Amino acid sequence: MRKVNLALCVLGLSIASVGAQAATSGTITFNGKLISETCAVKPGTEDQTVTLPTLSALDFPAAGAEHGSKDFTIQVESCGPSITKVAAHFEAINSSGANAVTGNLVNTAPVADAADNTEIRLYNMSDSSQVRVGSTGESFNVDATTHAVNIGYAGGYYSTGAASDGLGDSSGAIRTGLSLIAIRVTAGDLLSDR
């Protein structure tokens, strides 16, 4: 019996010493850079309505179905001479306008008209990868002569479950709000391009 008690005591001491070695504090370092040069969104391209195609709710039988994407372009001009790349950062217009799990824009159409289980997903143009709401999309090279660039992305339907065409309605509405918070610029090789 004494050997068992001794073994338990030693085990207890070894567990206690492991806990004592665990870190109780740490350091988080934030790095950033502000530059005086910027770009401007060309008037007329800052506010847009993207009309997605009319599709059947049957195209969205379960969560994860993606269809009906449509491209949109934001024209950027008057970039400073040291700005080499530009990207858009996207945020939902209000804090409840994004699904934190999927990273998509939620449907904000009135409940009586809304298509169920349907969101809007944003995509990068080059590889169709998702741009999560609250993040920055792919970057585009600024023309060194014109100091301008067209930056393009896409949006499309995404289902979180079997979609319906709305309550007692022959067509369900999809409405979302997206705010272009900032055009992110890269000066030379000083900042990463994403």
C-alpha atoms as a PDB file:
ATOM      1  CA  MET A   1       0.000   0.000   0.000  1.00  0.00           C
ATOM      2  CA  ARG A   2       2.852   2.327   0.722  1.00  0.00           C
ATOM      3  CA  LYS A   3       4.236   1.901  -2.812  1.00  0.00           C
ATOM      4  CA  VAL A   4       0.887   2.860  -4.328  1.00  0.00           C
ATOM      5  CA  ASN A   5       0.630   5.990  -2.200  1.00  0.00           C
ATOM      6  CA  LEU A   6       4.177   6.968  -3.072  1.00  0.00           C
ATOM      7  CA  ALA A   7       3.485   6.500  -6.783  1.00  0.00           C
ATOM      8  CA  LEU A   8       0.361   8.648  -6.580  1.00  0.00           C
ATOM      9  CA  CYS A   9       2.263  11.319  -4.681  1.00  0.00           C
ATOM     10  CA  VAL A  10       5.036  11.391  -7.297  1.00  0.00           C
ATOM     11  CA  LEU A  11       2.456  11.538 -10.086  1.00  0.00           C
ATOM     12  CA  GLY A  12       0.718  14.418  -8.334  1.00  0.00           C
ATOM     13  CA  LEU A  13       3.993  16.336  -8.005  1.00  0.00           C
ATOM     14  CA  SER A  14       4.871  15.817 -11.657  1.00  0.00           C
ATOM     15  CA  ILE A  15       1.456  17.106 -12.756  1.00  0.00           C
ATOM     16  CA  ALA A  16       1.811  20.121 -10.479  1.00  0.00           C
ATOM     17  CA  SER A  17       5.208  20.967 -11.947  1.00  0.00           C
ATOM     18  CA  VAL A  18       3.858  20.821 -15.508  1.00  0.00           C
ATOM     19  CA  GLY A  19       1.181  23.353 -14.586  1.00  0.00           C
ATOM     20  CA  ALA A  20       3.794  25.604 -13.020  1.00  0.00           C
ATOM     21  CA  GLN A  21       5.755  25.667 -16.279  1.00  0.00           C
ATOM     22  CA  ALA A  22       2.770  26.820 -18.368  1.00  0.00           C
ATOM     23  CA  ALA A  23       2.954  30.395 -19.629  1.00  0.00           C
ATOM     24  CA  THR A  24       0.810  32.847 -17.710  1.00  0.00           C
ATOM     25  CA  SER A  25       1.442  35.824 -19.960  1.00  0.00           C
ATOM     26  CA  GLY A  26       2.422  36.595 -23.518  1.00  0.00           C
ATOM     27  CA  THR A  27       2.977  39.395 -25.977  1.00  0.00           C
ATOM     28  CA  ILE A  28       0.984  40.272 -29.082  1.00  0.00           C
ATOM     29  CA  THR A  29       2.722  42.616 -31.488  1.00  0.00           C
ATOM     30  CA  PHE A  30       0.816  44.612 -34.126  1.00  0.00           C
ATOM     31  CA  ASN A  31       2.705  45.846 -37.179  1.00  0.00           C
ATOM     32  CA  GLY A  32       1.277  48.234 -39.731  1.00  0.00           C
ATOM     33  CA  LYS A  33       2.098  51.072 -42.031  1.00  0.00           C
ATOM     34  CA  LEU A  34       0.331  54.264 -43.026  1.00  0.00           C
ATOM     35  CA  ILE A  35       1.198  55.998 -46.248  1.00  0.00           C
ATOM     36  CA  SER A  36       0.280  59.485 -47.395  1.00  0.00           C
ATOM     37  CA  GLU A  37      -0.558  58.451 -50.948  1.00  0.00           C
ATOM     38  CA  THR A  38      -3.832  56.816 -51.868  1.00  0.00           C
ATOM     39  CA  CYS A  39      -6.185  56.169 -54.775  1.00  0.00           C
ATOM     40  CA  ALA A  40      -9.719  57.330 -55.508  1.00  0.00           C
ATOM     41  CA  VAL A  41     -12.700  55.283 -56.607  1.00  0.00           C
ATOM     42  CA  LYS A  42     -13.804  56.672 -59.964  1.00  0.00           C
ATOM     43  CA  PRO A  43     -17.110  58.530 -59.611  1.00  0.00           C
ATOM     44  CA  GLY A  44     -19.965  56.403 -60.860  1.00  0.00           C
ATOM     45  CA  THR A  45     -18.424  53.089 -59.825  1.00  0.00           C
ATOM     46  CA  GLU A  46     -18.549  53.522 -56.054  1.00  0.00           C
ATOM     47  CA  ASP A  47     -22.268  52.657 -55.714  1.00  0.00           C
ATOM     48  CA  GLN A  48     -23.430  49.675 -57.732  1.00  0.00           C
ATOM     49  CA  THR A  49     -26.307  47.228 -57.882  1.00  0.00           C
ATOM     50  CA  VAL A  50     -25.354  43.757 -59.073  1.00  0.00           C
ATOM     51  CA  THR A  51     -28.350  41.864 -60.452  1.00  0.00           C
ATOM     52  CA  LEU A  52     -27.825  38.124 -60.233  1.00  0.00           C
ATOM     53  CA  PRO A  53     -29.606  35.814 -62.674  1.00  0.00           C
ATOM     54  CA  THR A  54     -33.032  34.388 -61.874  1.00  0.00           C
ATOM     55  CA  LEU A  55     -32.556  30.720 -60.983  1.00  0.00           C
ATOM     56  CA  SER A  56     -34.745  27.893 -59.758  1.00  0.00           C
ATOM     57  CA  ALA A  57     -34.783  27.125 -56.034  1.00  0.00           C
ATOM     58  CA  LEU A  58     -34.335  23.497 -57.161  1.00  0.00           C
ATOM     59  CA  ASP A  59     -30.744  24.411 -58.103  1.00  0.00           C
ATOM     60  CA  PHE A  60     -30.072  24.713 -54.354  1.00  0.00           C
ATOM     61  CA  PRO A  61     -31.199  21.377 -52.840  1.00  0.00           C
ATOM     62  CA  ALA A  62     -28.805  21.429 -49.869  1.00  0.00           C
ATOM     63  CA  ALA A  63     -26.239  23.524 -48.034  1.00  0.00           C
ATOM     64  CA  GLY A  64     -23.163  24.460 -50.023  1.00  0.00           C
ATOM     65  CA  ALA A  65     -24.713  24.836 -53.479  1.00  0.00           C
ATOM     66  CA  GLU A  66     -23.229  27.783 -55.403  1.00  0.00           C
ATOM     67  CA  HIS A  67     -24.682  29.141 -58.652  1.00  0.00           C
ATOM     68  CA  GLY A  68     -25.411  32.316 -60.557  1.00  0.00           C
ATOM     69  CA  SER A  69     -22.313  34.396 -59.969  1.00  0.00           C
ATOM     70  CA  LYS A  70     -21.944  37.759 -61.658  1.00  0.00           C
ATOM     71  CA  ASP A  71     -18.829  39.910 -62.027  1.00  0.00           C
ATOM     72  CA  PHE A  72     -18.575  43.505 -60.897  1.00  0.00           C
ATOM     73  CA  THR A  73     -15.787  46.036 -61.413  1.00  0.00           C
ATOM     74  CA  ILE A  74     -14.632  48.982 -59.331  1.00  0.00           C
ATOM     75  CA  GLN A  75     -12.598  51.560 -61.223  1.00  0.00           C
ATOM     76  CA  VAL A  76      -9.756  53.091 -59.239  1.00  0.00           C
ATOM     77  CA  GLU A  77      -7.862  56.174 -60.401  1.00  0.00           C
ATOM     78  CA  SER A  78      -5.492  58.913 -59.255  1.00  0.00           C
ATOM     79  CA  CYS A  79      -3.170  56.484 -57.486  1.00  0.00           C
ATOM     80  CA  GLY A  80       0.015  58.022 -56.156  1.00  0.00           C
ATOM     81  CA  PRO A  81       3.195  57.227 -58.108  1.00  0.00           C
ATOM     82  CA  SER A  82       4.531  54.815 -55.475  1.00  0.00           C
ATOM     83  CA  ILE A  83       1.323  52.751 -55.326  1.00  0.00           C
ATOM     84  CA  THR A  84       1.781  49.501 -57.224  1.00  0.00           C
ATOM     85  CA  LYS A  85      -1.156  47.328 -56.125  1.00  0.00           C
ATOM     86  CA  VAL A  86      -4.772  47.925 -55.102  1.00  0.00           C
ATOM     87  CA  ALA A  87      -7.356  45.655 -53.444  1.00  0.00           C
ATOM     88  CA  ALA A  88     -10.843  46.158 -52.012  1.00  0.00           C
ATOM     89  CA  HIS A  89     -11.813  45.444 -48.404  1.00  0.00           C
ATOM     90  CA  PHE A  90     -15.463  44.438 -47.980  1.00  0.00           C
ATOM     91  CA  GLU A  91     -17.749  44.839 -44.946  1.00  0.00           C
ATOM     92  CA  ALA A  92     -21.485  44.300 -44.459  1.00  0.00           C
ATOM     93  CA  ILE A  93     -23.422  47.575 -44.232  1.00  0.00           C
ATOM     94  CA  ASN A  94     -24.676  46.723 -40.760  1.00  0.00           C
ATOM     95  CA  SER A  95     -23.280  44.389 -38.145  1.00  0.00           C
ATOM     96  CA  SER A  96     -25.985  41.779 -38.749  1.00  0.00           C
ATOM     97  CA  GLY A  97     -25.433  41.699 -42.511  1.00  0.00           C
ATOM     98  CA  ALA A  98     -22.847  38.923 -42.536  1.00  0.00           C
ATOM     99  CA  ASN A  99     -22.861  35.279 -41.501  1.00  0.00           C
ATOM    100  CA  ALA A 100     -19.772  34.759 -39.335  1.00  0.00           C
ATOM    101  CA  VAL A 101     -19.760  31.017 -40.052  1.00  0.00           C
ATOM    102  CA  THR A 102     -19.983  31.098 -43.862  1.00  0.00           C
ATOM    103  CA  GLY A 103     -18.389  34.522 -44.385  1.00  0.00           C
ATOM    104  CA  ASN A 104     -21.253  35.447 -46.731  1.00  0.00           C
ATOM    105  CA  LEU A 105     -23.686  38.342 -46.900  1.00  0.00           C
ATOM    106  CA  VAL A 106     -27.047  37.378 -45.400  1.00  0.00           C
ATOM    107  CA  ASN A 107     -30.357  37.882 -47.158  1.00  0.00           C
ATOM    108  CA  THR A 108     -31.975  41.083 -45.878  1.00  0.00           C
ATOM    109  CA  ALA A 109     -35.144  40.949 -48.000  1.00  0.00           C
ATOM    110  CA  PRO A 110     -38.403  41.270 -46.020  1.00  0.00           C
ATOM    111  CA  VAL A 111     -39.276  37.892 -44.470  1.00  0.00           C
ATOM    112  CA  ALA A 112     -42.492  37.473 -46.492  1.00  0.00           C
ATOM    113  CA  ASP A 113     -40.544  37.827 -49.753  1.00  0.00           C
ATOM    114  CA  ALA A 114     -37.186  36.321 -48.822  1.00  0.00           C
ATOM    115  CA  ALA A 115     -35.832  33.144 -50.361  1.00  0.00           C
ATOM    116  CA  ASP A 116     -35.000  30.817 -47.469  1.00  0.00           C
ATOM    117  CA  ASN A 117     -31.472  29.488 -46.818  1.00  0.00           C
ATOM    118  CA  THR A 118     -29.867  31.742 -49.411  1.00  0.00           C
ATOM    119  CA  GLU A 119     -26.903  34.096 -49.014  1.00  0.00           C
ATOM    120  CA  ILE A 120     -24.556  35.971 -51.336  1.00  0.00           C
ATOM    121  CA  ARG A 121     -20.921  34.851 -51.501  1.00  0.00           C
ATOM    122  CA  LEU A 122     -18.125  37.100 -52.804  1.00  0.00           C
ATOM    123  CA  TYR A 123     -15.345  35.698 -54.992  1.00  0.00           C
ATOM    124  CA  ASN A 124     -11.904  36.688 -56.252  1.00  0.00           C
ATOM    125  CA  MET A 125     -11.847  36.782 -60.058  1.00  0.00           C
ATOM    126  CA  SER A 126      -8.541  35.018 -60.689  1.00  0.00           C
ATOM    127  CA  ASP A 127      -9.281  31.721 -58.959  1.00  0.00           C
ATOM    128  CA  SER A 128     -12.929  31.933 -57.807  1.00  0.00           C
ATOM    129  CA  SER A 129     -11.814  31.648 -54.173  1.00  0.00           C
ATOM    130  CA  GLN A 130     -14.133  33.116 -51.561  1.00  0.00           C
ATOM    131  CA  VAL A 131     -13.644  36.623 -50.213  1.00  0.00           C
ATOM    132  CA  ARG A 132     -15.090  36.467 -46.703  1.00  0.00           C
ATOM    133  CA  VAL A 133     -17.049  39.534 -45.635  1.00  0.00           C
ATOM    134  CA  GLY A 134     -14.717  41.515 -43.386  1.00  0.00           C
ATOM    135  CA  SER A 135     -11.610  40.658 -45.392  1.00  0.00           C
ATOM    136  CA  THR A 136      -9.637  42.003 -48.332  1.00  0.00           C
ATOM    137  CA  GLY A 137      -9.901  40.526 -51.814  1.00  0.00           C
ATOM    138  CA  GLU A 138      -7.104  39.840 -54.252  1.00  0.00           C
ATOM    139  CA  SER A 139      -4.911  42.730 -55.353  1.00  0.00           C
ATOM    140  CA  PHE A 140      -4.466  44.198 -58.819  1.00  0.00           C
ATOM    141  CA  ASN A 141      -1.458  45.946 -60.384  1.00  0.00           C
ATOM    142  CA  VAL A 142      -1.776  49.694 -60.929  1.00  0.00           C
ATOM    143  CA  ASP A 143      -0.855  50.932 -64.410  1.00  0.00           C
ATOM    144  CA  ALA A 144       2.320  52.990 -63.938  1.00  0.00           C
ATOM    145  CA  THR A 145       1.362  55.381 -66.755  1.00  0.00           C
ATOM    146  CA  THR A 146      -2.316  56.055 -66.043  1.00  0.00           C
ATOM    147  CA  HIS A 147      -2.107  55.492 -62.260  1.00  0.00           C
ATOM    148  CA  ALA A 148      -5.419  53.642 -62.548  1.00  0.00           C
ATOM    149  CA  VAL A 149      -6.717  50.072 -62.397  1.00  0.00           C
ATOM    150  CA  ASN A 150     -10.003  48.209 -62.671  1.00  0.00           C
ATOM    151  CA  ILE A 151     -10.424  45.796 -59.786  1.00  0.00           C
ATOM    152  CA  GLY A 152     -12.898  42.997 -60.305  1.00  0.00           C
ATOM    153  CA  TYR A 153     -14.683  40.547 -58.048  1.00  0.00           C
ATOM    154  CA  ALA A 154     -17.861  38.474 -58.298  1.00  0.00           C
ATOM    155  CA  GLY A 155     -20.905  37.693 -56.199  1.00  0.00           C
ATOM    156  CA  GLY A 156     -23.230  34.713 -56.415  1.00  0.00           C
ATOM    157  CA  TYR A 157     -25.894  32.696 -54.647  1.00  0.00           C
ATOM    158  CA  TYR A 158     -24.865  30.295 -51.863  1.00  0.00           C
ATOM    159  CA  SER A 159     -27.296  27.998 -50.037  1.00  0.00           C
ATOM    160  CA  THR A 160     -27.124  27.238 -46.322  1.00  0.00           C
ATOM    161  CA  GLY A 161     -29.801  24.548 -46.735  1.00  0.00           C
ATOM    162  CA  ALA A 162     -32.504  23.593 -49.212  1.00  0.00           C
ATOM    163  CA  ALA A 163     -33.587  26.888 -50.774  1.00  0.00           C
ATOM    164  CA  SER A 164     -37.186  27.960 -51.182  1.00  0.00           C
ATOM    165  CA  ASP A 165     -38.680  30.640 -53.364  1.00  0.00           C
ATOM    166  CA  GLY A 166     -40.238  32.546 -50.493  1.00  0.00           C
ATOM    167  CA  LEU A 167     -43.381  32.334 -48.383  1.00  0.00           C
ATOM    168  CA  GLY A 168     -46.576  32.245 -50.476  1.00  0.00           C
ATOM    169  CA  ASP A 169     -44.788  34.004 -53.295  1.00  0.00           C
ATOM    170  CA  SER A 170     -43.854  32.831 -56.755  1.00  0.00           C
ATOM    171  CA  SER A 171     -40.411  34.347 -56.510  1.00  0.00           C
ATOM    172  CA  GLY A 172     -38.190  34.831 -53.503  1.00  0.00           C
ATOM    173  CA  ALA A 173     -36.217  38.012 -53.141  1.00  0.00           C
ATOM    174  CA  ILE A 174     -32.535  38.247 -52.332  1.00  0.00           C
ATOM    175  CA  ARG A 175     -31.277  41.548 -51.001  1.00  0.00           C
ATOM    176  CA  THR A 176     -28.003  42.203 -49.251  1.00  0.00           C
ATOM    177  CA  GLY A 177     -25.979  45.234 -48.319  1.00  0.00           C
ATOM    178  CA  LEU A 178     -22.259  45.507 -48.894  1.00  0.00           C
ATOM    179  CA  SER A 179     -20.020  48.421 -48.094  1.00  0.00           C
ATOM    180  CA  LEU A 180     -16.654  48.950 -49.711  1.00  0.00           C
ATOM    181  CA  ILE A 181     -14.792  50.098 -46.622  1.00  0.00           C
ATOM    182  CA  ALA A 182     -11.450  50.884 -48.142  1.00  0.00           C
ATOM    183  CA  ILE A 183      -9.259  50.476 -51.132  1.00  0.00           C
ATOM    184  CA  ARG A 184      -6.077  48.909 -49.827  1.00  0.00           C
ATOM    185  CA  VAL A 185      -2.962  50.145 -51.544  1.00  0.00           C
ATOM    186  CA  THR A 186       0.529  48.723 -51.683  1.00  0.00           C
ATOM    187  CA  ALA A 187       3.493  51.024 -52.099  1.00  0.00           C
ATOM    188  CA  GLY A 188       6.393  49.299 -53.815  1.00  0.00           C
ATOM    189  CA  ASP A 189       7.416  46.108 -52.031  1.00  0.00           C
ATOM    190  CA  LEU A 190       6.893  47.531 -48.543  1.00  0.00           C
ATOM    191  CA  LEU A 191       3.542  45.841 -47.875  1.00  0.00           C
ATOM    192  CA  SER A 192       2.284  42.387 -48.717  1.00  0.00           C
ATOM    193  CA  ASP A 193      -0.127  42.237 -51.620  1.00  0.00           C
ATOM    194  CA  ARG A 194      -2.896  40.547 -49.588  1.00  0.00           C
END
